[in-house]
Amino acid sequence: MWFEKKTAAALSSAKSSNIQFAASTNITVDDTNSTIWTFVGGWSAVTPETPCPGCFAQPDPKQVFNSSWHDGSVVSGSVTFQGSAIYIYGIDMTATSGTNISFSMNNPTTAGFHYFGSTGTTYNVLFFSATNLDSSVEHTVSFIGQTSLTGAGAMLFDYANITVDQQLEETVTLLSSSSSTTTSTTSPSPSSTPLAAPQPPPTRKSNTGAIIGAVVGGVGGLAILVALFLILRRRRRTSSIHFDGGNFYEAPRRRISANGFLGEPHHPEARGPSFIGARASSSGVDESTKSAPPASTVPSPEQVPTASLRPAVTTATPTSRSEKVVLAWN
């Protein structure tokens, strides 16, 4: 957690102050890379494809980087690079009568030498090194073989390690050949490759979805309206069943005759509509279906004689106390 916080703070500080961090990387460049290496004079480039049977020095190819080296005596060469440090390696052998090499470098001016006069064969020997260099400028290391008391010894150059910043790694890699290798010594810096702006997604799918949604919504709304219409219509029909707009007649009433018996039924005129419906008689026949009596059979008050409206009194000789005078309306 502490490391993450410190890293986030460092990145935030670098972003605000526009500081670029770069990691150091060591690149191994073989002697066969003519872009970095330059050999002047009678050098022998020994490779598995081009061996040198006539050369006096015969090192073990399996112990040599990329199984290749340059063999020369009293000749010169140089290494041109751009980085913060350089390390040049070679092979020391007793059979070469000793090795005496002088080195010089510009930016800054530096001199050095390498001498080997012991017995035996040594691989990966550091011939020359320079550190704390300005990686923004180009440097050139020149070398030349010198004679010694025992004669001119052979120089066997194998490879060079160049320390470069991360942003310079691509340039140096382009200069190196396919036979060179790189070894990272520190963690790489964040990539500075700009990210492509995100493209907006196609709108065809969204338009299609909107159209489909509108169609479905319209159909659903229409279905709801039709359903409401049918429900209201059904309710109206149900209400009309209990309403009867036809006429009905009151039940006939009987009147008292002069002889004291009930007369014929009297049919009054219709009173109006019924909200109950047709009435059925005790015999099961609908009274509303019967036709009204003719107007001629029902006398109006004007047609009834005045004398008939008066009560008639009949006097008879009573035979007993139970006999009574019967009054009746004509």
C-alpha atoms as a PDB file:
ATOM      1  CA  MET A   1       0.000   0.000   0.000  1.00  0.00           C
ATOM      2  CA  TRP A   2       2.811   2.401   0.882  1.00  0.00           C
ATOM      3  CA  PHE A   3       4.529   1.632  -2.429  1.00  0.00           C
ATOM      4  CA  GLU A   4       1.340   2.272  -4.387  1.00  0.00           C
ATOM      5  CA  LYS A   5       0.811   5.621  -2.651  1.00  0.00           C
ATOM      6  CA  LYS A   6       4.405   6.702  -3.262  1.00  0.00           C
ATOM      7  CA  THR A   7       4.179   5.625  -6.911  1.00  0.00           C
ATOM      8  CA  ALA A   8       0.899   7.483  -7.423  1.00  0.00           C
ATOM      9  CA  ALA A   9       2.377  10.596  -5.810  1.00  0.00           C
ATOM     10  CA  ALA A  10       5.475  10.399  -8.008  1.00  0.00           C
ATOM     11  CA  LEU A  11       3.399  10.008 -11.171  1.00  0.00           C
ATOM     12  CA  SER A  12       1.180  12.921 -10.151  1.00  0.00           C
ATOM     13  CA  SER A  13       4.241  15.102  -9.503  1.00  0.00           C
ATOM     14  CA  ALA A  14       5.774  14.098 -12.824  1.00  0.00           C
ATOM     15  CA  LYS A  15       2.556  14.947 -14.651  1.00  0.00           C
ATOM     16  CA  SER A  16       2.198  18.351 -13.037  1.00  0.00           C
ATOM     17  CA  SER A  17       5.836  19.349 -13.627  1.00  0.00           C
ATOM     18  CA  ASN A  18       6.025  17.682 -17.073  1.00  0.00           C
ATOM     19  CA  ILE A  19       9.059  15.558 -16.087  1.00  0.00           C
ATOM     20  CA  GLN A  20       9.830  12.465 -18.148  1.00  0.00           C
ATOM     21  CA  PHE A  21      11.202   9.409 -16.382  1.00  0.00           C
ATOM     22  CA  ALA A  22      13.308   6.911 -18.322  1.00  0.00           C
ATOM     23  CA  ALA A  23      14.694   3.546 -17.311  1.00  0.00           C
ATOM     24  CA  SER A  24      18.177   2.383 -18.250  1.00  0.00           C
ATOM     25  CA  THR A  25      18.555  -0.653 -20.484  1.00  0.00           C
ATOM     26  CA  ASN A  26      21.681  -2.549 -21.547  1.00  0.00           C
ATOM     27  CA  ILE A  27      21.820  -3.512 -25.213  1.00  0.00           C
ATOM     28  CA  THR A  28      24.298  -6.128 -26.378  1.00  0.00           C
ATOM     29  CA  VAL A  29      25.662  -5.409 -29.851  1.00  0.00           C
ATOM     30  CA  ASP A  30      27.630  -8.134 -31.613  1.00  0.00           C
ATOM     31  CA  ASP A  31      30.851  -7.364 -33.477  1.00  0.00           C
ATOM     32  CA  THR A  32      29.127  -8.278 -36.761  1.00  0.00           C
ATOM     33  CA  ASN A  33      26.876  -5.199 -36.517  1.00  0.00           C
ATOM     34  CA  SER A  34      28.448  -2.820 -39.010  1.00  0.00           C
ATOM     35  CA  THR A  35      26.176   0.051 -37.952  1.00  0.00           C
ATOM     36  CA  ILE A  36      27.791   0.310 -34.524  1.00  0.00           C
ATOM     37  CA  TRP A  37      31.161  -1.274 -35.212  1.00  0.00           C
ATOM     38  CA  THR A  38      33.739  -0.055 -37.715  1.00  0.00           C
ATOM     39  CA  PHE A  39      36.876  -2.103 -38.455  1.00  0.00           C
ATOM     40  CA  VAL A  40      39.685  -0.508 -40.481  1.00  0.00           C
ATOM     41  CA  GLY A  41      42.573  -2.537 -41.912  1.00  0.00           C
ATOM     42  CA  GLY A  42      43.240  -6.249 -42.215  1.00  0.00           C
ATOM     43  CA  TRP A  43      40.668  -7.692 -39.835  1.00  0.00           C
ATOM     44  CA  SER A  44      39.351 -11.239 -40.033  1.00  0.00           C
ATOM     45  CA  ALA A  45      35.605 -11.525 -39.326  1.00  0.00           C
ATOM     46  CA  VAL A  46      35.233 -15.043 -37.924  1.00  0.00           C
ATOM     47  CA  THR A  47      31.727 -16.563 -37.903  1.00  0.00           C
ATOM     48  CA  PRO A  48      30.347 -20.110 -38.125  1.00  0.00           C
ATOM     49  CA  GLU A  49      29.685 -19.438 -41.813  1.00  0.00           C
ATOM     50  CA  THR A  50      33.103 -17.814 -42.435  1.00  0.00           C
ATOM     51  CA  PRO A  51      35.710 -19.553 -40.226  1.00  0.00           C
ATOM     52  CA  CYS A  52      39.380 -18.593 -40.294  1.00  0.00           C
ATOM     53  CA  PRO A  53      41.492 -21.774 -40.415  1.00  0.00           C
ATOM     54  CA  GLY A  54      44.679 -19.742 -41.101  1.00  0.00           C
ATOM     55  CA  CYS A  55      44.296 -17.496 -38.060  1.00  0.00           C
ATOM     56  CA  PHE A  56      46.772 -18.147 -35.241  1.00  0.00           C
ATOM     57  CA  ALA A  57      44.143 -17.646 -32.512  1.00  0.00           C
ATOM     58  CA  GLN A  58      41.479 -20.370 -32.392  1.00  0.00           C
ATOM     59  CA  PRO A  59      39.123 -19.706 -29.437  1.00  0.00           C
ATOM     60  CA  ASP A  60      36.202 -21.996 -28.634  1.00  0.00           C
ATOM     61  CA  PRO A  61      33.200 -20.679 -30.629  1.00  0.00           C
ATOM     62  CA  LYS A  62      30.787 -22.058 -28.024  1.00  0.00           C
ATOM     63  CA  GLN A  63      32.187 -19.672 -25.402  1.00  0.00           C
ATOM     64  CA  VAL A  64      32.124 -16.638 -27.674  1.00  0.00           C
ATOM     65  CA  PHE A  65      29.047 -14.459 -27.929  1.00  0.00           C
ATOM     66  CA  ASN A  66      27.081 -15.357 -31.052  1.00  0.00           C
ATOM     67  CA  SER A  67      30.056 -17.611 -32.010  1.00  0.00           C
ATOM     68  CA  SER A  68      31.690 -14.700 -33.837  1.00  0.00           C
ATOM     69  CA  TRP A  69      34.639 -12.323 -33.282  1.00  0.00           C
ATOM     70  CA  HIS A  70      37.045  -9.999 -35.123  1.00  0.00           C
ATOM     71  CA  ASP A  71      40.732 -10.921 -35.245  1.00  0.00           C
ATOM     72  CA  GLY A  72      43.303  -8.213 -36.079  1.00  0.00           C
ATOM     73  CA  SER A  73      46.852  -7.005 -35.313  1.00  0.00           C
ATOM     74  CA  VAL A  74      48.180  -3.422 -35.479  1.00  0.00           C
ATOM     75  CA  VAL A  75      44.863  -2.308 -36.958  1.00  0.00           C
ATOM     76  CA  SER A  76      42.179   0.094 -35.778  1.00  0.00           C
ATOM     77  CA  GLY A  77      38.454   0.435 -35.381  1.00  0.00           C
ATOM     78  CA  SER A  78      35.721   2.306 -33.545  1.00  0.00           C
ATOM     79  CA  VAL A  79      32.328   2.005 -31.877  1.00  0.00           C
ATOM     80  CA  THR A  80      29.758   4.807 -32.350  1.00  0.00           C
ATOM     81  CA  PHE A  81      26.764   4.920 -30.011  1.00  0.00           C
ATOM     82  CA  GLN A  82      24.373   7.142 -28.060  1.00  0.00           C
ATOM     83  CA  GLY A  83      23.873   6.218 -24.429  1.00  0.00           C
ATOM     84  CA  SER A  84      24.958   6.779 -20.856  1.00  0.00           C
ATOM     85  CA  ALA A  85      27.592   4.008 -20.685  1.00  0.00           C
ATOM     86  CA  ILE A  86      29.562   1.563 -22.845  1.00  0.00           C
ATOM     87  CA  TYR A  87      31.408  -1.685 -22.127  1.00  0.00           C
ATOM     88  CA  ILE A  88      33.616  -3.348 -24.779  1.00  0.00           C
ATOM     89  CA  TYR A  89      34.455  -7.051 -24.375  1.00  0.00           C
ATOM     90  CA  GLY A  90      36.960  -9.342 -26.067  1.00  0.00           C
ATOM     91  CA  ILE A  91      39.107 -12.469 -25.729  1.00  0.00           C
ATOM     92  CA  ASP A  92      42.599 -12.744 -24.248  1.00  0.00           C
ATOM     93  CA  MET A  93      44.870 -15.588 -25.459  1.00  0.00           C
ATOM     94  CA  THR A  94      48.514 -16.373 -24.679  1.00  0.00           C
ATOM     95  CA  ALA A  95      49.205 -17.547 -28.250  1.00  0.00           C
ATOM     96  CA  THR A  96      48.817 -13.981 -29.532  1.00  0.00           C
ATOM     97  CA  SER A  97      52.065 -12.802 -27.873  1.00  0.00           C
ATOM     98  CA  GLY A  98      50.099 -10.505 -25.580  1.00  0.00           C
ATOM     99  CA  THR A  99      47.433  -7.925 -26.279  1.00  0.00           C
ATOM    100  CA  ASN A 100      48.135  -4.172 -26.190  1.00  0.00           C
ATOM    101  CA  ILE A 101      45.232  -1.918 -27.198  1.00  0.00           C
ATOM    102  CA  SER A 102      44.864   1.863 -26.833  1.00  0.00           C
ATOM    103  CA  PHE A 103      41.395   3.457 -26.504  1.00  0.00           C
ATOM    104  CA  SER A 104      40.200   7.042 -26.838  1.00  0.00           C
ATOM    105  CA  MET A 105      36.731   8.621 -26.666  1.00  0.00           C
ATOM    106  CA  ASN A 106      35.219  12.052 -27.359  1.00  0.00           C
ATOM    107  CA  ASN A 107      32.372  13.785 -25.488  1.00  0.00           C
ATOM    108  CA  PRO A 108      34.075  13.738 -23.033  1.00  0.00           C
ATOM    109  CA  THR A 109      37.659  13.051 -24.007  1.00  0.00           C
ATOM    110  CA  THR A 110      38.727   9.791 -22.392  1.00  0.00           C
ATOM    111  CA  ALA A 111      41.747   7.548 -22.888  1.00  0.00           C
ATOM    112  CA  GLY A 112      42.483   3.994 -21.844  1.00  0.00           C
ATOM    113  CA  PHE A 113      44.386   0.869 -22.691  1.00  0.00           C
ATOM    114  CA  HIS A 114      44.226  -2.852 -22.293  1.00  0.00           C
ATOM    115  CA  TYR A 115      47.200  -5.183 -21.975  1.00  0.00           C
ATOM    116  CA  PHE A 116      47.281  -8.918 -21.480  1.00  0.00           C
ATOM    117  CA  GLY A 117      50.572 -10.814 -21.170  1.00  0.00           C
ATOM    118  CA  SER A 118      49.593 -13.787 -18.998  1.00  0.00           C
ATOM    119  CA  THR A 119      49.112 -17.372 -20.043  1.00  0.00           C
ATOM    120  CA  GLY A 120      45.822 -19.057 -20.804  1.00  0.00           C
ATOM    121  CA  THR A 121      42.613 -18.055 -22.588  1.00  0.00           C
ATOM    122  CA  THR A 122      39.993 -15.789 -21.054  1.00  0.00           C
ATOM    123  CA  TYR A 123      36.552 -15.035 -22.487  1.00  0.00           C
ATOM    124  CA  ASN A 124      34.292 -12.041 -21.849  1.00  0.00           C
ATOM    125  CA  VAL A 125      37.223  -9.826 -20.903  1.00  0.00           C
ATOM    126  CA  LEU A 126      36.384  -6.143 -20.371  1.00  0.00           C
ATOM    127  CA  PHE A 127      38.635  -4.164 -22.721  1.00  0.00           C
ATOM    128  CA  PHE A 128      37.194  -0.679 -22.149  1.00  0.00           C
ATOM    129  CA  SER A 129      34.350   1.026 -20.237  1.00  0.00           C
ATOM    130  CA  ALA A 130      32.955   4.530 -19.803  1.00  0.00           C
ATOM    131  CA  THR A 131      30.007   5.532 -17.599  1.00  0.00           C
ATOM    132  CA  ASN A 132      27.988   8.619 -16.604  1.00  0.00           C
ATOM    133  CA  LEU A 133      27.835   9.823 -20.172  1.00  0.00           C
ATOM    134  CA  ASP A 134      25.389  12.271 -21.690  1.00  0.00           C
ATOM    135  CA  SER A 135      22.807  10.095 -23.411  1.00  0.00           C
ATOM    136  CA  SER A 136      21.534  12.975 -25.540  1.00  0.00           C
ATOM    137  CA  VAL A 137      24.720  13.183 -27.629  1.00  0.00           C
ATOM    138  CA  GLU A 138      26.613  10.696 -29.770  1.00  0.00           C
ATOM    139  CA  HIS A 139      29.878   9.167 -28.591  1.00  0.00           C
ATOM    140  CA  THR A 140      32.697   7.441 -30.480  1.00  0.00           C
ATOM    141  CA  VAL A 141      35.240   5.092 -28.946  1.00  0.00           C
ATOM    142  CA  SER A 142      38.319   4.510 -31.116  1.00  0.00           C
ATOM    143  CA  PHE A 143      40.831   1.692 -30.614  1.00  0.00           C
ATOM    144  CA  ILE A 144      44.128   0.677 -32.205  1.00  0.00           C
ATOM    145  CA  GLY A 145      46.488  -2.261 -31.709  1.00  0.00           C
ATOM    146  CA  GLN A 146      49.987  -1.554 -30.396  1.00  0.00           C
ATOM    147  CA  THR A 147      53.147  -3.593 -30.589  1.00  0.00           C
ATOM    148  CA  SER A 148      54.806  -4.883 -27.447  1.00  0.00           C
ATOM    149  CA  LEU A 149      58.210  -6.131 -26.475  1.00  0.00           C
ATOM    150  CA  THR A 150      57.279  -9.571 -27.683  1.00  0.00           C
ATOM    151  CA  GLY A 151      55.819  -8.379 -30.937  1.00  0.00           C
ATOM    152  CA  ALA A 152      52.469  -7.332 -32.291  1.00  0.00           C
ATOM    153  CA  GLY A 153      49.775  -9.277 -30.519  1.00  0.00           C
ATOM    154  CA  ALA A 154      46.362 -10.140 -31.958  1.00  0.00           C
ATOM    155  CA  MET A 155      43.236  -8.317 -30.863  1.00  0.00           C
ATOM    156  CA  LEU A 156      40.034 -10.369 -30.543  1.00  0.00           C
ATOM    157  CA  PHE A 157      36.899  -8.167 -30.221  1.00  0.00           C
ATOM    158  CA  ASP A 158      33.677  -9.956 -29.292  1.00  0.00           C
ATOM    159  CA  TYR A 159      30.772  -7.597 -28.402  1.00  0.00           C
ATOM    160  CA  ALA A 160      29.790  -4.336 -26.666  1.00  0.00           C
ATOM    161  CA  ASN A 161      27.170  -3.487 -24.030  1.00  0.00           C
ATOM    162  CA  ILE A 162      25.588  -0.043 -24.356  1.00  0.00           C
ATOM    163  CA  THR A 163      23.414   1.486 -21.630  1.00  0.00           C
ATOM    164  CA  VAL A 164      20.634   3.593 -23.096  1.00  0.00           C
ATOM    165  CA  ASP A 165      17.495   5.269 -21.804  1.00  0.00           C
ATOM    166  CA  GLN A 166      14.133   3.706 -22.590  1.00  0.00           C
ATOM    167  CA  GLN A 167      13.183   6.333 -25.190  1.00  0.00           C
ATOM    168  CA  LEU A 168      16.460   5.705 -27.017  1.00  0.00           C
ATOM    169  CA  GLU A 169      16.056   1.943 -27.066  1.00  0.00           C
ATOM    170  CA  GLU A 170      14.066   1.935 -30.307  1.00  0.00           C
ATOM    171  CA  THR A 171      16.732   3.962 -32.140  1.00  0.00           C
ATOM    172  CA  VAL A 172      19.562   1.744 -30.962  1.00  0.00           C
ATOM    173  CA  THR A 173      17.594  -1.407 -31.759  1.00  0.00           C
ATOM    174  CA  LEU A 174      17.127  -0.228 -35.326  1.00  0.00           C
ATOM    175  CA  LEU A 175      20.875   0.260 -35.573  1.00  0.00           C
ATOM    176  CA  SER A 176      21.614  -3.188 -34.198  1.00  0.00           C
ATOM    177  CA  SER A 177      21.438  -6.341 -36.289  1.00  0.00           C
ATOM    178  CA  SER A 178      19.217  -9.331 -35.771  1.00  0.00           C
ATOM    179  CA  SER A 179      22.065 -11.133 -34.026  1.00  0.00           C
ATOM    180  CA  SER A 180      22.213  -8.639 -31.147  1.00  0.00           C
ATOM    181  CA  THR A 181      20.302  -9.143 -27.905  1.00  0.00           C
ATOM    182  CA  THR A 182      18.991  -6.766 -25.263  1.00  0.00           C
ATOM    183  CA  THR A 183      19.042  -7.186 -21.494  1.00  0.00           C
ATOM    184  CA  SER A 184      16.828  -4.998 -19.336  1.00  0.00           C
ATOM    185  CA  THR A 185      18.355  -3.977 -16.001  1.00  0.00           C
ATOM    186  CA  THR A 186      15.529  -1.772 -14.701  1.00  0.00           C
ATOM    187  CA  SER A 187      11.795  -1.593 -15.051  1.00  0.00           C
ATOM    188  CA  PRO A 188      10.621   0.123 -18.241  1.00  0.00           C
ATOM    189  CA  SER A 189       9.013   3.528 -18.134  1.00  0.00           C
ATOM    190  CA  PRO A 190       5.381   4.034 -19.064  1.00  0.00           C
ATOM    191  CA  SER A 191       4.759   3.981 -22.771  1.00  0.00           C
ATOM    192  CA  SER A 192       4.447   7.378 -24.415  1.00  0.00           C
ATOM    193  CA  THR A 193       2.492   6.089 -27.393  1.00  0.00           C
ATOM    194  CA  PRO A 194      -0.652   8.218 -27.662  1.00  0.00           C
ATOM    195  CA  LEU A 195      -3.878   6.345 -27.352  1.00  0.00           C
ATOM    196  CA  ALA A 196      -6.360   6.602 -30.167  1.00  0.00           C
ATOM    197  CA  ALA A 197      -9.495   8.561 -29.398  1.00  0.00           C
ATOM    198  CA  PRO A 198     -12.474   6.264 -28.882  1.00  0.00           C
ATOM    199  CA  GLN A 199     -14.835   6.216 -31.819  1.00  0.00           C
ATOM    200  CA  PRO A 200     -18.538   6.703 -31.152  1.00  0.00           C
ATOM    201  CA  PRO A 201     -20.532   3.512 -31.562  1.00  0.00           C
ATOM    202  CA  PRO A 202     -22.764   3.209 -34.621  1.00  0.00           C
ATOM    203  CA  THR A 203     -26.227   4.696 -34.153  1.00  0.00           C
ATOM    204  CA  ARG A 204     -28.078   2.339 -36.489  1.00  0.00           C
ATOM    205  CA  LYS A 205     -28.819  -0.143 -33.734  1.00  0.00           C
ATOM    206  CA  SER A 206     -30.040   2.572 -31.393  1.00  0.00           C
ATOM    207  CA  ASN A 207     -32.315   4.045 -34.111  1.00  0.00           C
ATOM    208  CA  THR A 208     -33.729   0.614 -34.886  1.00  0.00           C
ATOM    209  CA  GLY A 209     -34.427   0.006 -31.216  1.00  0.00           C
ATOM    210  CA  ALA A 210     -36.190   3.361 -30.918  1.00  0.00           C
ATOM    211  CA  ILE A 211     -38.387   2.606 -33.945  1.00  0.00           C
ATOM    212  CA  ILE A 212     -39.294  -0.848 -32.632  1.00  0.00           C
ATOM    213  CA  GLY A 213     -40.107   0.604 -29.215  1.00  0.00           C
ATOM    214  CA  ALA A 214     -42.362   3.272 -30.750  1.00  0.00           C
ATOM    215  CA  VAL A 215     -44.238   0.696 -32.853  1.00  0.00           C
ATOM    216  CA  VAL A 216     -44.746  -1.648 -29.895  1.00  0.00           C
ATOM    217  CA  GLY A 217     -45.895   1.234 -27.711  1.00  0.00           C
ATOM    218  CA  GLY A 218     -48.384   2.426 -30.332  1.00  0.00           C
ATOM    219  CA  VAL A 219     -49.848  -1.049 -30.808  1.00  0.00           C
ATOM    220  CA  GLY A 220     -50.139  -1.515 -27.047  1.00  0.00           C
ATOM    221  CA  GLY A 221     -51.891   1.841 -26.616  1.00  0.00           C
ATOM    222  CA  LEU A 222     -54.348   1.038 -29.423  1.00  0.00           C
ATOM    223  CA  ALA A 223     -55.120  -2.339 -27.831  1.00  0.00           C
ATOM    224  CA  ILE A 224     -55.843  -0.642 -24.495  1.00  0.00           C
ATOM    225  CA  LEU A 225     -58.232   1.848 -26.156  1.00  0.00           C
ATOM    226  CA  VAL A 226     -60.118  -0.954 -27.954  1.00  0.00           C
ATOM    227  CA  ALA A 227     -60.426  -2.907 -24.698  1.00  0.00           C
ATOM    228  CA  LEU A 228     -61.818   0.150 -22.865  1.00  0.00           C
ATOM    229  CA  PHE A 229     -64.324   0.764 -25.665  1.00  0.00           C
ATOM    230  CA  LEU A 230     -65.596  -2.829 -25.519  1.00  0.00           C
ATOM    231  CA  ILE A 231     -65.919  -2.732 -21.716  1.00  0.00           C
ATOM    232  CA  LEU A 232     -67.930   0.523 -21.789  1.00  0.00           C
ATOM    233  CA  ARG A 233     -70.171  -0.777 -24.542  1.00  0.00           C
ATOM    234  CA  ARG A 234     -70.860  -3.971 -22.615  1.00  0.00           C
ATOM    235  CA  ARG A 235     -71.783  -2.005 -19.503  1.00  0.00           C
ATOM    236  CA  ARG A 236     -74.252   0.143 -21.452  1.00  0.00           C
ATOM    237  CA  ARG A 237     -75.933  -2.927 -22.927  1.00  0.00           C
ATOM    238  CA  THR A 238     -76.234  -4.478 -19.466  1.00  0.00           C
ATOM    239  CA  SER A 239     -77.881  -1.313 -18.106  1.00  0.00           C
ATOM    240  CA  SER A 240     -80.436  -1.155 -20.972  1.00  0.00           C
ATOM    241  CA  ILE A 241     -81.720  -4.665 -20.157  1.00  0.00           C
ATOM    242  CA  HIS A 242     -83.301  -3.379 -16.883  1.00  0.00           C
ATOM    243  CA  PHE A 243     -85.039  -0.459 -18.582  1.00  0.00           C
ATOM    244  CA  ASP A 244     -88.444  -0.950 -20.258  1.00  0.00           C
ATOM    245  CA  GLY A 245     -89.730   1.977 -22.226  1.00  0.00           C
ATOM    246  CA  GLY A 246     -93.129   0.389 -22.995  1.00  0.00           C
ATOM    247  CA  ASN A 247     -96.515   1.191 -21.454  1.00  0.00           C
ATOM    248  CA  PHE A 248     -98.132  -0.701 -18.646  1.00  0.00           C
ATOM    249  CA  TYR A 249    -101.650  -0.785 -17.306  1.00  0.00           C
ATOM    250  CA  GLU A 250    -102.854  -0.875 -13.780  1.00  0.00           C
ATOM    251  CA  ALA A 251    -104.619  -3.964 -12.613  1.00  0.00           C
ATOM    252  CA  PRO A 252    -108.321  -3.741 -13.398  1.00  0.00           C
ATOM    253  CA  ARG A 253    -110.561  -2.664 -10.556  1.00  0.00           C
ATOM    254  CA  ARG A 254    -114.075  -3.939 -10.084  1.00  0.00           C
ATOM    255  CA  ARG A 255    -116.974  -1.704  -9.228  1.00  0.00           C
ATOM    256  CA  ILE A 256    -120.067  -2.499  -7.157  1.00  0.00           C
ATOM    257  CA  SER A 257    -123.253  -2.960  -9.141  1.00  0.00           C
ATOM    258  CA  ALA A 258    -126.780  -2.154  -8.026  1.00  0.00           C
ATOM    259  CA  ASN A 259    -127.464  -5.683  -7.031  1.00  0.00           C
ATOM    260  CA  GLY A 260    -124.518  -5.743  -4.638  1.00  0.00           C
ATOM    261  CA  PHE A 261    -122.227  -7.898  -6.769  1.00  0.00           C
ATOM    262  CA  LEU A 262    -118.924  -6.997  -8.334  1.00  0.00           C
ATOM    263  CA  GLY A 263    -119.202  -5.764 -11.847  1.00  0.00           C
ATOM    264  CA  GLU A 264    -116.951  -6.142 -14.849  1.00  0.00           C
ATOM    265  CA  PRO A 265    -113.334  -5.091 -14.451  1.00  0.00           C
ATOM    266  CA  HIS A 266    -112.517  -1.532 -15.330  1.00  0.00           C
ATOM    267  CA  HIS A 267    -109.347  -0.840 -17.279  1.00  0.00           C
ATOM    268  CA  PRO A 268    -107.827   2.558 -16.589  1.00  0.00           C
ATOM    269  CA  GLU A 269    -105.627   4.362 -19.018  1.00  0.00           C
ATOM    270  CA  ALA A 270    -101.884   3.822 -19.126  1.00  0.00           C
ATOM    271  CA  ARG A 271     -99.904   5.738 -16.570  1.00  0.00           C
ATOM    272  CA  GLY A 272     -96.450   5.744 -18.224  1.00  0.00           C
ATOM    273  CA  PRO A 273     -93.185   3.817 -18.624  1.00  0.00           C
ATOM    274  CA  SER A 274     -92.142   1.179 -16.191  1.00  0.00           C
ATOM    275  CA  PHE A 275     -88.636   0.760 -14.813  1.00  0.00           C
ATOM    276  CA  ILE A 276     -89.473  -2.639 -13.465  1.00  0.00           C
ATOM    277  CA  GLY A 277     -90.556  -4.347 -16.633  1.00  0.00           C
ATOM    278  CA  ALA A 278     -93.648  -6.157 -17.720  1.00  0.00           C
ATOM    279  CA  ARG A 279     -95.912  -7.568 -15.036  1.00  0.00           C
ATOM    280  CA  ALA A 280     -97.284 -11.056 -15.258  1.00  0.00           C
ATOM    281  CA  SER A 281    -100.734 -12.041 -14.048  1.00  0.00           C
ATOM    282  CA  SER A 282    -101.430 -14.901 -11.754  1.00  0.00           C
ATOM    283  CA  SER A 283    -102.193 -17.028 -14.771  1.00  0.00           C
ATOM    284  CA  GLY A 284     -98.658 -16.433 -16.180  1.00  0.00           C
ATOM    285  CA  VAL A 285     -99.809 -14.171 -19.035  1.00  0.00           C
ATOM    286  CA  ASP A 286     -98.086 -10.822 -19.387  1.00  0.00           C
ATOM    287  CA  GLU A 287    -100.619  -8.099 -18.608  1.00  0.00           C
ATOM    288  CA  SER A 288     -98.654  -5.608 -20.697  1.00  0.00           C
ATOM    289  CA  THR A 289     -99.241  -7.677 -23.808  1.00  0.00           C
ATOM    290  CA  LYS A 290    -103.018  -7.396 -23.522  1.00  0.00           C
ATOM    291  CA  SER A 291    -104.630  -4.750 -25.634  1.00  0.00           C
ATOM    292  CA  ALA A 292    -106.478  -1.903 -23.969  1.00  0.00           C
ATOM    293  CA  PRO A 293    -110.266  -2.095 -24.017  1.00  0.00           C
ATOM    294  CA  PRO A 294    -112.002  -0.131 -26.697  1.00  0.00           C
ATOM    295  CA  ALA A 295    -112.891   3.379 -25.860  1.00  0.00           C
ATOM    296  CA  SER A 296    -116.566   2.697 -26.553  1.00  0.00           C
ATOM    297  CA  THR A 297    -116.850   0.163 -23.721  1.00  0.00           C
ATOM    298  CA  VAL A 298    -115.613   2.565 -21.076  1.00  0.00           C
ATOM    299  CA  PRO A 299    -118.126   5.386 -20.690  1.00  0.00           C
ATOM    300  CA  SER A 300    -116.870   8.784 -19.895  1.00  0.00           C
ATOM    301  CA  PRO A 301    -118.321  10.849 -17.092  1.00  0.00           C
ATOM    302  CA  GLU A 302    -120.280  13.007 -19.587  1.00  0.00           C
ATOM    303  CA  GLN A 303    -122.004   9.941 -21.073  1.00  0.00           C
ATOM    304  CA  VAL A 304    -123.287   8.698 -17.712  1.00  0.00           C
ATOM    305  CA  PRO A 305    -126.811  10.039 -16.988  1.00  0.00           C
ATOM    306  CA  THR A 306    -127.181  12.260 -14.009  1.00  0.00           C
ATOM    307  CA  ALA A 307    -129.948  10.156 -12.547  1.00  0.00           C
ATOM    308  CA  SER A 308    -127.794   7.094 -12.642  1.00  0.00           C
ATOM    309  CA  LEU A 309    -125.253   8.755 -10.427  1.00  0.00           C
ATOM    310  CA  ARG A 310    -127.782   9.107  -7.630  1.00  0.00           C
ATOM    311  CA  PRO A 311    -128.326   6.197  -5.300  1.00  0.00           C
ATOM    312  CA  ALA A 312    -131.566   4.321  -5.795  1.00  0.00           C
ATOM    313  CA  VAL A 313    -133.540   3.416  -2.722  1.00  0.00           C
ATOM    314  CA  THR A 314    -135.695   0.376  -2.851  1.00  0.00           C
ATOM    315  CA  THR A 315    -138.277  -0.119  -0.088  1.00  0.00           C
ATOM    316  CA  ALA A 316    -139.668  -3.510   0.631  1.00  0.00           C
ATOM    317  CA  THR A 317    -141.700  -4.992   3.370  1.00  0.00           C
ATOM    318  CA  PRO A 318    -139.241  -6.513   5.749  1.00  0.00           C
ATOM    319  CA  THR A 319    -139.947 -10.065   6.609  1.00  0.00           C
ATOM    320  CA  SER A 320    -137.352 -10.098   9.266  1.00  0.00           C
ATOM    321  CA  ARG A 321    -134.936  -7.839  11.050  1.00  0.00           C
ATOM    322  CA  SER A 322    -132.091  -9.290   9.059  1.00  0.00           C
ATOM    323  CA  GLU A 323    -133.308  -7.797   5.845  1.00  0.00           C
ATOM    324  CA  LYS A 324    -131.692  -4.542   4.949  1.00  0.00           C
ATOM    325  CA  VAL A 325    -131.978  -1.895   2.380  1.00  0.00           C
ATOM    326  CA  VAL A 326    -129.302  -2.300  -0.157  1.00  0.00           C
ATOM    327  CA  LEU A 327    -127.758   0.792  -1.607  1.00  0.00           C
ATOM    328  CA  ALA A 328    -125.882   0.464  -4.771  1.00  0.00           C
ATOM    329  CA  TRP A 329    -124.484   2.675  -7.418  1.00  0.00           C
ATOM    330  CA  ASN A 330    -125.778   2.118 -10.853  1.00  0.00           C
END
